[in-house]
């Protein structure tokens, strides 16, 4: 009978970096590298370390906030944003029906 020694190989996941997001008001969508994370502020998101990541916080009615960040393995960095209201939107739509066309201008009143 031949006995073989077996070595055990343990594979550990690569260490990650973390970004902690907060915003005022809260509830903003958190986007990393162009993809929605499925999380809303306040929340912490894990990312690959030592790589530049783009981030965006999106909240309806407010200007999108964005930037870039590099986080080391095991490190947590914080990003805190105070949203600014988005400017009013003026939208023009061209409606066509049966050979006739009409231009519809929709305006949202300015809020000061």
Protein backbone atom coordinates (compact mmCIF):
# COMPACT_ATOMS: atom_id res chain seq x y z
CA UNK A 1 0.00 0.00 0.00
CA UNK A 2 1.35 3.38 -1.02
CA UNK A 3 0.50 6.39 1.08
CA UNK A 4 0.50 9.86 -0.43
CA UNK A 5 0.82 13.03 1.53
CA UNK A 6 -1.78 15.64 0.64
CA UNK A 7 -1.05 19.30 0.91
CA UNK A 8 -3.94 21.60 1.67
CA UNK A 9 -4.11 24.73 -0.37
CA UNK A 10 -6.09 27.54 1.17
CA UNK A 11 -7.09 30.39 -1.11
CA UNK A 12 -7.98 33.63 0.59
CA UNK A 13 -9.99 36.30 -1.18
CA UNK A 14 -8.02 39.33 -2.25
CA UNK A 15 -8.20 42.12 0.31
CA UNK A 16 -10.54 44.96 -0.61
CA UNK A 17 -10.74 48.68 0.00
CA UNK A 18 -13.89 50.40 1.24
CA UNK A 19 -15.62 53.70 0.53
CA UNK A 20 -18.13 55.04 3.02
CA UNK A 21 -20.71 57.33 1.40
CA UNK A 22 -22.99 59.81 3.16
CA UNK A 23 -25.14 62.55 1.69
CA UNK A 24 -27.51 65.32 2.65
CA UNK A 25 -30.25 64.56 1.88
CA UNK A 26 -29.71 60.80 2.14
CA UNK A 27 -31.07 58.16 -0.25
CA UNK A 28 -28.78 58.87 -3.21
CA UNK A 29 -27.91 56.09 -5.65
CA UNK A 30 -24.23 55.04 -5.40
CA UNK A 31 -22.50 54.37 -8.73
CA UNK A 32 -18.93 53.01 -8.99
CA UNK A 33 -17.07 52.88 -12.33
CA UNK A 34 -20.29 53.53 -14.27
CA UNK A 35 -22.32 50.77 -12.58
CA UNK A 36 -25.09 51.13 -10.01
CA UNK A 37 -24.05 49.30 -6.83
CA UNK A 38 -27.62 48.66 -5.67
CA UNK A 39 -26.89 50.75 -2.58
CA UNK A 40 -28.15 54.12 -1.39
CA UNK A 41 -26.55 56.63 0.99
CA UNK A 42 -25.58 56.17 3.73
CA UNK A 43 -23.70 52.97 2.84
CA UNK A 44 -20.25 51.42 2.53
CA UNK A 45 -19.10 49.90 -0.77
CA UNK A 46 -16.16 47.53 -1.28
CA UNK A 47 -13.81 48.15 -4.23
CA UNK A 48 -10.62 46.71 -5.69
CA UNK A 49 -7.63 48.25 -3.93
CA UNK A 50 -4.93 50.47 -5.43
CA UNK A 51 -6.98 51.27 -8.54
CA UNK A 52 -8.53 54.63 -9.40
CA UNK A 53 -12.32 54.37 -9.23
CA UNK A 54 -14.90 56.86 -10.45
CA UNK A 55 -17.89 57.44 -8.19
CA UNK A 56 -21.22 59.19 -8.68
CA UNK A 57 -24.02 59.97 -6.28
CA UNK A 58 -27.39 60.53 -7.98
CA UNK A 59 -30.54 61.90 -6.37
CA UNK A 60 -33.59 63.05 -8.33
CA UNK A 61 -34.03 66.82 -8.34
CA UNK A 62 -30.37 67.44 -7.47
CA UNK A 63 -27.12 67.85 -9.41
CA UNK A 64 -25.16 64.59 -9.70
CA UNK A 65 -22.00 64.64 -7.60
CA UNK A 66 -18.94 62.77 -8.90
CA UNK A 67 -15.25 62.25 -8.44
CA UNK A 68 -12.39 59.75 -8.39
CA UNK A 69 -10.78 57.90 -5.51
CA UNK A 70 -8.03 55.35 -4.81
CA UNK A 71 -8.31 53.14 -1.72
CA UNK A 72 -5.63 50.79 -0.37
CA UNK A 73 -6.34 47.21 0.74
CA UNK A 74 -8.04 47.19 4.13
CA UNK A 75 -8.48 50.98 4.07
CA UNK A 76 -11.80 52.82 4.42
CA UNK A 77 -12.17 56.32 2.97
CA UNK A 78 -15.20 58.54 3.48
CA UNK A 79 -17.02 60.70 0.96
CA UNK A 80 -19.67 63.11 2.24
CA UNK A 81 -21.78 65.17 -0.15
CA UNK A 82 -24.29 67.99 0.34
CA UNK A 83 -26.46 68.04 -2.77
CA UNK A 84 -27.33 71.22 -4.65
CA UNK A 85 -30.75 71.57 -6.30
CA UNK A 86 -30.75 70.94 -10.05
CA UNK A 87 -31.59 73.94 -12.25
CA UNK A 88 -35.09 74.06 -13.76
CA UNK A 89 -35.55 72.01 -16.88
CA UNK A 90 -37.04 73.47 -20.06
CA UNK A 91 -38.05 70.70 -22.39
CA UNK A 92 -39.22 71.03 -25.99
CA UNK A 93 -40.97 68.09 -27.65
CA UNK A 94 -42.09 67.75 -31.25
CA UNK A 95 -45.37 65.88 -31.55
CA UNK A 96 -46.34 64.52 -34.94
CA UNK A 97 -49.74 63.05 -35.78
CA UNK A 98 -51.24 62.39 -39.20
CA UNK A 99 -48.89 64.64 -41.14
CA UNK A 100 -49.29 67.60 -38.77
CA UNK A 101 -46.66 68.55 -36.23
CA UNK A 102 -46.88 70.65 -33.10
CA UNK A 103 -44.15 71.97 -30.86
CA UNK A 104 -44.90 71.58 -27.18
CA UNK A 105 -42.80 73.57 -24.74
CA UNK A 106 -42.92 72.41 -21.15
CA UNK A 107 -41.41 74.62 -18.51
CA UNK A 108 -40.95 73.96 -14.85
CA UNK A 109 -41.40 77.15 -12.78
CA UNK A 110 -38.20 78.54 -11.23
CA UNK A 111 -37.77 77.96 -7.56
CA UNK A 112 -35.68 80.57 -5.88
